[in-house]
Amino acid sequence: MEQIYIEGSIKINGEKSLFSITNDSNEGWSQWGATQERLYDSVHIVDTLQEALITNVGVYSEEE
């Protein structure tokens, strides 16, 4: 299994935030660069992107 790390941006109602997702079993997703309220509005988006990555590629683990 290969390790994948993706960074991007999400813009909702003109306010932009940044995010990262990975299939690494030792890391999760994260997002930053906007107000807490705005980040809350995009939690489901980032979570869904990471779920899709893991579903389609699989989980990377250094132990494999």
C-alpha atoms as a PDB file:
ATOM      1  CA  MET A   1       0.000   0.000   0.000  1.00  0.00           C
ATOM      2  CA  GLU A   2       1.292   3.437  -0.869  1.00  0.00           C
ATOM      3  CA  GLN A   3       1.106   6.471   1.405  1.00  0.00           C
ATOM      4  CA  ILE A   4      -0.962   9.349   0.029  1.00  0.00           C
ATOM      5  CA  TYR A   5      -1.140  12.925   1.375  1.00  0.00           C
ATOM      6  CA  ILE A   6      -3.469  15.505  -0.196  1.00  0.00           C
ATOM      7  CA  GLU A   7      -3.773  19.237   0.545  1.00  0.00           C
ATOM      8  CA  GLY A   8      -6.418  21.566  -0.812  1.00  0.00           C
ATOM      9  CA  SER A   9      -8.757  24.441  -0.129  1.00  0.00           C
ATOM     10  CA  ILE A  10     -12.499  24.819   0.404  1.00  0.00           C
ATOM     11  CA  LYS A  11     -14.368  28.072  -0.143  1.00  0.00           C
ATOM     12  CA  ILE A  12     -17.824  28.494   1.404  1.00  0.00           C
ATOM     13  CA  ASN A  13     -19.653  31.826   1.162  1.00  0.00           C
ATOM     14  CA  GLY A  14     -16.415  33.569   0.244  1.00  0.00           C
ATOM     15  CA  GLU A  15     -14.406  32.281   3.240  1.00  0.00           C
ATOM     16  CA  LYS A  16     -11.571  29.947   2.348  1.00  0.00           C
ATOM     17  CA  SER A  17     -10.015  27.241   4.510  1.00  0.00           C
ATOM     18  CA  LEU A  18      -7.219  24.780   3.860  1.00  0.00           C
ATOM     19  CA  PHE A  19      -7.247  21.052   4.566  1.00  0.00           C
ATOM     20  CA  SER A  20      -5.156  17.920   4.378  1.00  0.00           C
ATOM     21  CA  ILE A  21      -6.173  14.281   4.219  1.00  0.00           C
ATOM     22  CA  THR A  22      -4.106  11.116   4.189  1.00  0.00           C
ATOM     23  CA  ASN A  23      -4.534   7.383   4.146  1.00  0.00           C
ATOM     24  CA  ASP A  24      -1.787   7.001   6.790  1.00  0.00           C
ATOM     25  CA  SER A  25      -3.134   5.036   9.765  1.00  0.00           C
ATOM     26  CA  ASN A  26      -1.098   7.211  12.169  1.00  0.00           C
ATOM     27  CA  GLU A  27      -2.580  10.502  10.959  1.00  0.00           C
ATOM     28  CA  GLY A  28      -6.028  11.934  10.418  1.00  0.00           C
ATOM     29  CA  TRP A  29      -7.380  14.829   8.448  1.00  0.00           C
ATOM     30  CA  SER A  30      -7.008  18.457   9.449  1.00  0.00           C
ATOM     31  CA  GLN A  31      -8.210  21.875   8.342  1.00  0.00           C
ATOM     32  CA  TRP A  32      -7.163  25.414   9.187  1.00  0.00           C
ATOM     33  CA  GLY A  33      -7.187  29.030   8.045  1.00  0.00           C
ATOM     34  CA  ALA A  34     -10.734  30.146   8.835  1.00  0.00           C
ATOM     35  CA  THR A  35     -12.997  30.928  11.768  1.00  0.00           C
ATOM     36  CA  GLN A  36     -14.080  28.053  14.010  1.00  0.00           C
ATOM     37  CA  GLU A  37     -17.661  28.471  12.798  1.00  0.00           C
ATOM     38  CA  ARG A  38     -16.599  28.295   9.159  1.00  0.00           C
ATOM     39  CA  LEU A  39     -14.374  25.257   9.805  1.00  0.00           C
ATOM     40  CA  TYR A  40     -17.356  23.558  11.436  1.00  0.00           C
ATOM     41  CA  ASP A  41     -19.317  24.096   8.209  1.00  0.00           C
ATOM     42  CA  SER A  42     -16.764  22.048   6.237  1.00  0.00           C
ATOM     43  CA  VAL A  43     -16.020  19.214   8.685  1.00  0.00           C
ATOM     44  CA  HIS A  44     -18.360  16.857   6.815  1.00  0.00           C
ATOM     45  CA  ILE A  45     -16.656  17.682   3.516  1.00  0.00           C
ATOM     46  CA  VAL A  46     -13.131  16.906   4.740  1.00  0.00           C
ATOM     47  CA  ASP A  47     -14.314  13.788   6.564  1.00  0.00           C
ATOM     48  CA  THR A  48     -16.063  12.517   3.426  1.00  0.00           C
ATOM     49  CA  LEU A  49     -12.969  13.157   1.298  1.00  0.00           C
ATOM     50  CA  GLN A  50     -10.799  11.127   3.671  1.00  0.00           C
ATOM     51  CA  GLU A  51     -13.351   8.307   3.810  1.00  0.00           C
ATOM     52  CA  ALA A  52     -13.390   8.191  -0.002  1.00  0.00           C
ATOM     53  CA  LEU A  53      -9.583   8.084  -0.123  1.00  0.00           C
ATOM     54  CA  ILE A  54      -9.439   5.170   2.309  1.00  0.00           C
ATOM     55  CA  THR A  55     -12.320   3.328   0.621  1.00  0.00           C
ATOM     56  CA  ASN A  56     -10.779   3.629  -2.838  1.00  0.00           C
ATOM     57  CA  VAL A  57      -7.071   3.244  -2.010  1.00  0.00           C
ATOM     58  CA  GLY A  58      -6.861   1.601   1.413  1.00  0.00           C
ATOM     59  CA  VAL A  59      -5.069   2.431   4.637  1.00  0.00           C
ATOM     60  CA  TYR A  60      -1.308   2.883   4.685  1.00  0.00           C
ATOM     61  CA  SER A  61       0.607   1.510   7.659  1.00  0.00           C
ATOM     62  CA  GLU A  62       4.367   1.495   8.150  1.00  0.00           C
ATOM     63  CA  GLU A  63       3.972  -1.902   9.818  1.00  0.00           C
ATOM     64  CA  GLU A  64       2.857  -3.593   6.583  1.00  0.00           C
END
